[in-house]
Amino acid sequence: TEIFLLGFRDLEEAKFPFFVVSLLIYI
């Protein structure tokens, strides 16, 4: 009844820059 999404497991230290860039692109 519930699904777990694993996302980008290999980003590690780059996940915050990736988040910021993705957020800006989304805007």
PDB file of all heavy atoms in Angstrom:
ATOM      1  N   THR A   1       0.828  -1.213   0.000  1.00  0.00           N
ATOM      2  CA  THR A   1       0.000   0.000   0.000  1.00  0.00           C
ATOM      3  C   THR A   1       0.859   1.259   0.000  1.00  0.00           C
ATOM      4  O   THR A   1       0.344   2.364  -0.121  1.00  0.00           O
ATOM      5  CB  THR A   1      -0.927   0.023   1.227  1.00  0.00           C
ATOM      6  OG1 THR A   1      -0.133  -0.021   2.417  1.00  0.00           O
ATOM      7  CG2 THR A   1      -1.896  -1.150   1.194  1.00  0.00           C
ATOM      8  N   GLU A   2       2.169   1.057   0.163  1.00  0.00           N
ATOM      9  CA  GLU A   2       3.096   2.181   0.251  1.00  0.00           C
ATOM     10  C   GLU A   2       4.331   1.889  -0.591  1.00  0.00           C
ATOM     11  O   GLU A   2       4.828   0.761  -0.609  1.00  0.00           O
ATOM     12  CB  GLU A   2       3.492   2.394   1.713  1.00  0.00           C
ATOM     13  CG  GLU A   2       4.169   3.714   2.001  1.00  0.00           C
ATOM     14  CD  GLU A   2       4.426   3.897   3.495  1.00  0.00           C
ATOM     15  OE1 GLU A   2       4.807   2.907   4.153  1.00  0.00           O
ATOM     16  OE2 GLU A   2       4.265   5.023   3.993  1.00  0.00           O
ATOM     17  N   ILE A   3       4.794   2.907  -1.305  1.00  0.00           N
ATOM     18  CA  ILE A   3       5.971   2.789  -2.171  1.00  0.00           C
ATOM     19  C   ILE A   3       7.088   3.659  -1.622  1.00  0.00           C
ATOM     20  O   ILE A   3       6.867   4.813  -1.244  1.00  0.00           O
ATOM     21  CB  ILE A   3       5.646   3.213  -3.613  1.00  0.00           C
ATOM     22  CG1 ILE A   3       4.554   2.333  -4.214  1.00  0.00           C
ATOM     23  CG2 ILE A   3       6.901   3.184  -4.483  1.00  0.00           C
ATOM     24  CD1 ILE A   3       4.950   0.903  -4.464  1.00  0.00           C
ATOM     25  N   PHE A   4       8.296   3.104  -1.591  1.00  0.00           N
ATOM     26  CA  PHE A   4       9.478   3.870  -1.172  1.00  0.00           C
ATOM     27  C   PHE A   4      10.305   4.227  -2.407  1.00  0.00           C
ATOM     28  O   PHE A   4      10.718   3.341  -3.160  1.00  0.00           O
ATOM     29  CB  PHE A   4      10.321   3.061  -0.189  1.00  0.00           C
ATOM     30  CG  PHE A   4       9.725   2.950   1.171  1.00  0.00           C
ATOM     31  CD1 PHE A   4       8.872   1.891   1.473  1.00  0.00           C
ATOM     32  CD2 PHE A   4       9.996   3.896   2.150  1.00  0.00           C
ATOM     33  CE1 PHE A   4       8.309   1.782   2.737  1.00  0.00           C
ATOM     34  CE2 PHE A   4       9.435   3.793   3.409  1.00  0.00           C
ATOM     35  CZ  PHE A   4       8.586   2.734   3.705  1.00  0.00           C
ATOM     36  N   LEU A   5      10.515   5.514  -2.606  1.00  0.00           N
ATOM     37  CA  LEU A   5      11.357   5.998  -3.704  1.00  0.00           C
ATOM     38  C   LEU A   5      12.764   6.241  -3.167  1.00  0.00           C
ATOM     39  O   LEU A   5      12.944   6.987  -2.202  1.00  0.00           O
ATOM     40  CB  LEU A   5      10.773   7.290  -4.291  1.00  0.00           C
ATOM     41  CG  LEU A   5       9.387   7.181  -4.922  1.00  0.00           C
ATOM     42  CD1 LEU A   5       8.877   8.566  -5.326  1.00  0.00           C
ATOM     43  CD2 LEU A   5       9.409   6.262  -6.135  1.00  0.00           C
ATOM     44  N   LEU A   6      13.745   5.636  -3.806  1.00  0.00           N
ATOM     45  CA  LEU A   6      15.124   5.716  -3.321  1.00  0.00           C
ATOM     46  C   LEU A   6      15.868   6.942  -3.824  1.00  0.00           C
ATOM     47  O   LEU A   6      16.900   7.326  -3.267  1.00  0.00           O
ATOM     48  CB  LEU A   6      15.888   4.443  -3.717  1.00  0.00           C
ATOM     49  CG  LEU A   6      15.277   3.131  -3.225  1.00  0.00           C
ATOM     50  CD1 LEU A   6      16.144   1.953  -3.655  1.00  0.00           C
ATOM     51  CD2 LEU A   6      15.091   3.135  -1.719  1.00  0.00           C
ATOM     52  N   GLY A   7      15.391   7.541  -4.902  1.00  0.00           N
ATOM     53  CA  GLY A   7      15.994   8.778  -5.399  1.00  0.00           C
ATOM     54  C   GLY A   7      17.393   8.607  -5.951  1.00  0.00           C
ATOM     55  O   GLY A   7      17.741   7.582  -6.526  1.00  0.00           O
ATOM     56  N   PHE A   8      18.217   9.663  -5.744  1.00  0.00           N
ATOM     57  CA  PHE A   8      19.599   9.670  -6.252  1.00  0.00           C
ATOM     58  C   PHE A   8      20.535   9.247  -5.118  1.00  0.00           C
ATOM     59  O   PHE A   8      21.034  10.074  -4.364  1.00  0.00           O
ATOM     60  CB  PHE A   8      19.977  11.063  -6.753  1.00  0.00           C
ATOM     61  CG  PHE A   8      19.074  11.597  -7.826  1.00  0.00           C
ATOM     62  CD1 PHE A   8      18.024  12.446  -7.502  1.00  0.00           C
ATOM     63  CD2 PHE A   8      19.258  11.253  -9.154  1.00  0.00           C
ATOM     64  CE1 PHE A   8      17.189  12.944  -8.488  1.00  0.00           C
ATOM     65  CE2 PHE A   8      18.437  11.743 -10.148  1.00  0.00           C
ATOM     66  CZ  PHE A   8      17.389  12.584  -9.809  1.00  0.00           C
ATOM     67  N   ARG A   9      20.795   7.968  -5.016  1.00  0.00           N
ATOM     68  CA  ARG A   9      21.601   7.460  -3.904  1.00  0.00           C
ATOM     69  C   ARG A   9      23.087   7.766  -4.062  1.00  0.00           C
ATOM     70  O   ARG A   9      23.838   7.694  -3.093  1.00  0.00           O
ATOM     71  CB  ARG A   9      21.389   5.957  -3.763  1.00  0.00           C
ATOM     72  CG  ARG A   9      19.990   5.592  -3.300  1.00  0.00           C
ATOM     73  CD  ARG A   9      19.845   4.104  -3.085  1.00  0.00           C
ATOM     74  NE  ARG A   9      19.950   3.365  -4.346  1.00  0.00           N
ATOM     75  CZ  ARG A   9      19.943   2.040  -4.411  1.00  0.00           C
ATOM     76  NH1 ARG A   9      19.875   1.317  -3.315  1.00  0.00           N
ATOM     77  NH2 ARG A   9      20.019   1.437  -5.589  1.00  0.00           N
ATOM     78  N   ASP A  10      23.536   8.101  -5.253  1.00  0.00           N
ATOM     79  CA  ASP A  10      24.967   8.306  -5.504  1.00  0.00           C
ATOM     80  C   ASP A  10      25.382   9.776  -5.475  1.00  0.00           C
ATOM     81  O   ASP A  10      26.528  10.106  -5.763  1.00  0.00           O
ATOM     82  CB  ASP A  10      25.363   7.708  -6.864  1.00  0.00           C
ATOM     83  CG  ASP A  10      25.140   6.201  -6.905  1.00  0.00           C
ATOM     84  OD1 ASP A  10      25.235   5.572  -5.832  1.00  0.00           O
ATOM     85  OD2 ASP A  10      24.878   5.667  -7.994  1.00  0.00           O
ATOM     86  N   LEU A  11      24.446  10.661  -5.137  1.00  0.00           N
ATOM     87  CA  LEU A  11      24.793  12.085  -5.142  1.00  0.00           C
ATOM     88  C   LEU A  11      25.709  12.453  -3.972  1.00  0.00           C
ATOM     89  O   LEU A  11      26.644  13.224  -4.121  1.00  0.00           O
ATOM     90  CB  LEU A  11      23.520  12.935  -5.081  1.00  0.00           C
ATOM     91  CG  LEU A  11      22.747  13.092  -6.390  1.00  0.00           C
ATOM     92  CD1 LEU A  11      21.504  13.930  -6.174  1.00  0.00           C
ATOM     93  CD2 LEU A  11      23.616  13.722  -7.466  1.00  0.00           C
ATOM     94  N   GLU A  12      25.404  11.924  -2.776  1.00  0.00           N
ATOM     95  CA  GLU A  12      26.189  12.154  -1.572  1.00  0.00           C
ATOM     96  C   GLU A  12      26.414  13.649  -1.321  1.00  0.00           C
ATOM     97  O   GLU A  12      25.475  14.387  -1.067  1.00  0.00           O
ATOM     98  CB  GLU A  12      27.527  11.401  -1.657  1.00  0.00           C
ATOM     99  CG  GLU A  12      27.355   9.891  -1.761  1.00  0.00           C
ATOM    100  CD  GLU A  12      28.667   9.154  -1.919  1.00  0.00           C
ATOM    101  OE1 GLU A  12      29.714   9.820  -2.017  1.00  0.00           O
ATOM    102  OE2 GLU A  12      28.630   7.905  -1.938  1.00  0.00           O
ATOM    103  N   GLU A  13      27.675  14.131  -1.427  1.00  0.00           N
ATOM    104  CA  GLU A  13      27.970  15.530  -1.107  1.00  0.00           C
ATOM    105  C   GLU A  13      27.405  16.506  -2.128  1.00  0.00           C
ATOM    106  O   GLU A  13      27.275  17.698  -1.844  1.00  0.00           O
ATOM    107  CB  GLU A  13      29.486  15.724  -0.997  1.00  0.00           C
ATOM    108  CG  GLU A  13      30.121  14.951   0.143  1.00  0.00           C
ATOM    109  CD  GLU A  13      31.626  15.163   0.210  1.00  0.00           C
ATOM    110  OE1 GLU A  13      32.147  15.884  -0.658  1.00  0.00           O
ATOM    111  OE2 GLU A  13      32.256  14.605   1.123  1.00  0.00           O
ATOM    112  N   ALA A  14      27.067  16.032  -3.313  1.00  0.00           N
ATOM    113  CA  ALA A  14      26.567  16.929  -4.365  1.00  0.00           C
ATOM    114  C   ALA A  14      25.065  17.123  -4.293  1.00  0.00           C
ATOM    115  O   ALA A  14      24.496  17.828  -5.125  1.00  0.00           O
ATOM    116  CB  ALA A  14      26.958  16.384  -5.740  1.00  0.00           C
ATOM    117  N   LYS A  15      24.395  16.516  -3.304  1.00  0.00           N
ATOM    118  CA  LYS A  15      22.934  16.568  -3.296  1.00  0.00           C
ATOM    119  C   LYS A  15      22.399  17.978  -3.043  1.00  0.00           C
ATOM    120  O   LYS A  15      21.375  18.365  -3.607  1.00  0.00           O
ATOM    121  CB  LYS A  15      22.353  15.592  -2.275  1.00  0.00           C
ATOM    122  CG  LYS A  15      22.554  15.948  -0.826  1.00  0.00           C
ATOM    123  CD  LYS A  15      21.838  14.929   0.067  1.00  0.00           C
ATOM    124  CE  LYS A  15      21.932  15.315   1.535  1.00  0.00           C
ATOM    125  NZ  LYS A  15      21.217  14.349   2.392  1.00  0.00           N
ATOM    126  N   PHE A  16      23.089  18.772  -2.203  1.00  0.00           N
ATOM    127  CA  PHE A  16      22.592  20.125  -1.939  1.00  0.00           C
ATOM    128  C   PHE A  16      22.747  21.041  -3.155  1.00  0.00           C
ATOM    129  O   PHE A  16      21.791  21.747  -3.510  1.00  0.00           O
ATOM    130  CB  PHE A  16      23.292  20.730  -0.718  1.00  0.00           C
ATOM    131  CG  PHE A  16      22.718  22.062  -0.312  1.00  0.00           C
ATOM    132  CD1 PHE A  16      21.461  22.148   0.268  1.00  0.00           C
ATOM    133  CD2 PHE A  16      23.429  23.231  -0.544  1.00  0.00           C
ATOM    134  CE1 PHE A  16      20.922  23.382   0.630  1.00  0.00           C
ATOM    135  CE2 PHE A  16      22.897  24.458  -0.197  1.00  0.00           C
ATOM    136  CZ  PHE A  16      21.643  24.542   0.403  1.00  0.00           C
ATOM    137  N   PRO A  17      23.917  21.063  -3.822  1.00  0.00           N
ATOM    138  CA  PRO A  17      24.010  21.848  -5.065  1.00  0.00           C
ATOM    139  C   PRO A  17      23.005  21.389  -6.120  1.00  0.00           C
ATOM    140  O   PRO A  17      22.418  22.217  -6.820  1.00  0.00           O
ATOM    141  CB  PRO A  17      25.455  21.614  -5.524  1.00  0.00           C
ATOM    142  CG  PRO A  17      26.199  21.263  -4.299  1.00  0.00           C
ATOM    143  CD  PRO A  17      25.236  20.502  -3.445  1.00  0.00           C
ATOM    144  N   PHE A  18      22.811  20.076  -6.216  1.00  0.00           N
ATOM    145  CA  PHE A  18      21.832  19.539  -7.164  1.00  0.00           C
ATOM    146  C   PHE A  18      20.425  20.022  -6.813  1.00  0.00           C
ATOM    147  O   PHE A  18      19.640  20.388  -7.694  1.00  0.00           O
ATOM    148  CB  PHE A  18      21.874  18.013  -7.150  1.00  0.00           C
ATOM    149  CG  PHE A  18      20.884  17.355  -8.076  1.00  0.00           C
ATOM    150  CD1 PHE A  18      21.133  17.258  -9.437  1.00  0.00           C
ATOM    151  CD2 PHE A  18      19.689  16.846  -7.578  1.00  0.00           C
ATOM    152  CE1 PHE A  18      20.217  16.664 -10.292  1.00  0.00           C
ATOM    153  CE2 PHE A  18      18.762  16.255  -8.422  1.00  0.00           C
ATOM    154  CZ  PHE A  18      19.034  16.153  -9.780  1.00  0.00           C
ATOM    155  N   PHE A  19      20.115  20.056  -5.517  1.00  0.00           N
ATOM    156  CA  PHE A  19      18.809  20.542  -5.059  1.00  0.00           C
ATOM    157  C   PHE A  19      18.613  22.010  -5.422  1.00  0.00           C
ATOM    158  O   PHE A  19      17.559  22.397  -5.936  1.00  0.00           O
ATOM    159  CB  PHE A  19      18.686  20.360  -3.539  1.00  0.00           C
ATOM    160  CG  PHE A  19      17.464  20.993  -2.943  1.00  0.00           C
ATOM    161  CD1 PHE A  19      16.255  20.331  -2.938  1.00  0.00           C
ATOM    162  CD2 PHE A  19      17.537  22.269  -2.388  1.00  0.00           C
ATOM    163  CE1 PHE A  19      15.121  20.912  -2.395  1.00  0.00           C
ATOM    164  CE2 PHE A  19      16.415  22.869  -1.852  1.00  0.00           C
ATOM    165  CZ  PHE A  19      15.202  22.191  -1.846  1.00  0.00           C
ATOM    166  N   VAL A  20      19.618  22.829  -5.176  1.00  0.00           N
ATOM    167  CA  VAL A  20      19.523  24.273  -5.444  1.00  0.00           C
ATOM    168  C   VAL A  20      19.341  24.543  -6.935  1.00  0.00           C
ATOM    169  O   VAL A  20      18.477  25.328  -7.340  1.00  0.00           O
ATOM    170  CB  VAL A  20      20.770  25.010  -4.906  1.00  0.00           C
ATOM    171  CG1 VAL A  20      20.758  26.473  -5.348  1.00  0.00           C
ATOM    172  CG2 VAL A  20      20.834  24.902  -3.390  1.00  0.00           C
ATOM    173  N   VAL A  21      20.157  23.875  -7.757  1.00  0.00           N
ATOM    174  CA  VAL A  21      20.056  24.054  -9.210  1.00  0.00           C
ATOM    175  C   VAL A  21      18.687  23.606  -9.721  1.00  0.00           C
ATOM    176  O   VAL A  21      18.049  24.293 -10.519  1.00  0.00           O
ATOM    177  CB  VAL A  21      21.184  23.290  -9.939  1.00  0.00           C
ATOM    178  CG1 VAL A  21      20.968  23.318 -11.444  1.00  0.00           C
ATOM    179  CG2 VAL A  21      22.538  23.888  -9.592  1.00  0.00           C
ATOM    180  N   SER A  22      18.225  22.456  -9.236  1.00  0.00           N
ATOM    181  CA  SER A  22      16.919  21.928  -9.659  1.00  0.00           C
ATOM    182  C   SER A  22      15.794  22.859  -9.236  1.00  0.00           C
ATOM    183  O   SER A  22      14.839  23.076  -9.992  1.00  0.00           O
ATOM    184  CB  SER A  22      16.696  20.536  -9.063  1.00  0.00           C
ATOM    185  OG  SER A  22      17.681  19.633  -9.511  1.00  0.00           O
ATOM    186  N   LEU A  23      15.892  23.408  -8.033  1.00  0.00           N
ATOM    187  CA  LEU A  23      14.875  24.340  -7.541  1.00  0.00           C
ATOM    188  C   LEU A  23      14.830  25.606  -8.392  1.00  0.00           C
ATOM    189  O   LEU A  23      13.744  26.086  -8.755  1.00  0.00           O
ATOM    190  CB  LEU A  23      15.148  24.699  -6.079  1.00  0.00           C
ATOM    191  CG  LEU A  23      14.188  25.707  -5.433  1.00  0.00           C
ATOM    192  CD1 LEU A  23      12.756  25.178  -5.444  1.00  0.00           C
ATOM    193  CD2 LEU A  23      14.637  26.045  -4.015  1.00  0.00           C
ATOM    194  N   LEU A  24      15.997  26.136  -8.732  1.00  0.00           N
ATOM    195  CA  LEU A  24      16.062  27.341  -9.565  1.00  0.00           C
ATOM    196  C   LEU A  24      15.484  27.071 -10.954  1.00  0.00           C
ATOM    197  O   LEU A  24      14.740  27.906 -11.499  1.00  0.00           O
ATOM    198  CB  LEU A  24      17.507  27.834  -9.680  1.00  0.00           C
ATOM    199  CG  LEU A  24      18.138  28.396  -8.394  1.00  0.00           C
ATOM    200  CD1 LEU A  24      19.606  28.720  -8.615  1.00  0.00           C
ATOM    201  CD2 LEU A  24      17.382  29.632  -7.924  1.00  0.00           C
ATOM    202  N   ILE A  25      15.809  25.916 -11.515  1.00  0.00           N
ATOM    203  CA  ILE A  25      15.270  25.551 -12.827  1.00  0.00           C
ATOM    204  C   ILE A  25      13.755  25.414 -12.764  1.00  0.00           C
ATOM    205  O   ILE A  25      13.033  25.859 -13.658  1.00  0.00           O
ATOM    206  CB  ILE A  25      15.914  24.254 -13.339  1.00  0.00           C
ATOM    207  CG1 ILE A  25      17.391  24.486 -13.663  1.00  0.00           C
ATOM    208  CG2 ILE A  25      15.194  23.735 -14.592  1.00  0.00           C
ATOM    209  CD1 ILE A  25      18.139  23.238 -14.072  1.00  0.00           C
ATOM    210  N   TYR A  26      13.252  24.808 -11.687  1.00  0.00           N
ATOM    211  CA  TYR A  26      11.809  24.646 -11.512  1.00  0.00           C
ATOM    212  C   TYR A  26      11.112  25.999 -11.444  1.00  0.00           C
ATOM    213  O   TYR A  26      10.038  26.195 -12.039  1.00  0.00           O
ATOM    214  CB  TYR A  26      11.538  23.838 -10.252  1.00  0.00           C
ATOM    215  CG  TYR A  26      10.073  23.600  -9.976  1.00  0.00           C
ATOM    216  CD1 TYR A  26       9.232  23.083 -10.960  1.00  0.00           C
ATOM    217  CD2 TYR A  26       9.528  23.882  -8.721  1.00  0.00           C
ATOM    218  CE1 TYR A  26       7.893  22.852 -10.708  1.00  0.00           C
ATOM    219  CE2 TYR A  26       8.187  23.655  -8.466  1.00  0.00           C
ATOM    220  CZ  TYR A  26       7.378  23.143  -9.453  1.00  0.00           C
ATOM    221  OH  TYR A  26       6.039  22.925  -9.201  1.00  0.00           O
ATOM    222  N   ILE A  27      11.732  26.953 -10.739  1.00  0.00           N
ATOM    223  CA  ILE A  27      11.168  28.311 -10.660  1.00  0.00           C
ATOM    224  C   ILE A  27      11.128  28.956 -12.037  1.00  0.00           C
ATOM    225  O   ILE A  27      10.144  29.611 -12.417  1.00  0.00           O
ATOM    226  CB  ILE A  27      11.980  29.171  -9.668  1.00  0.00           C
ATOM    227  CG1 ILE A  27      11.800  28.641  -8.241  1.00  0.00           C
ATOM    228  CG2 ILE A  27      11.551  30.636  -9.748  1.00  0.00           C
ATOM    229  CD1 ILE A  27      12.719  29.290  -7.222  1.00  0.00           C
TER     230      ILE A  27
END
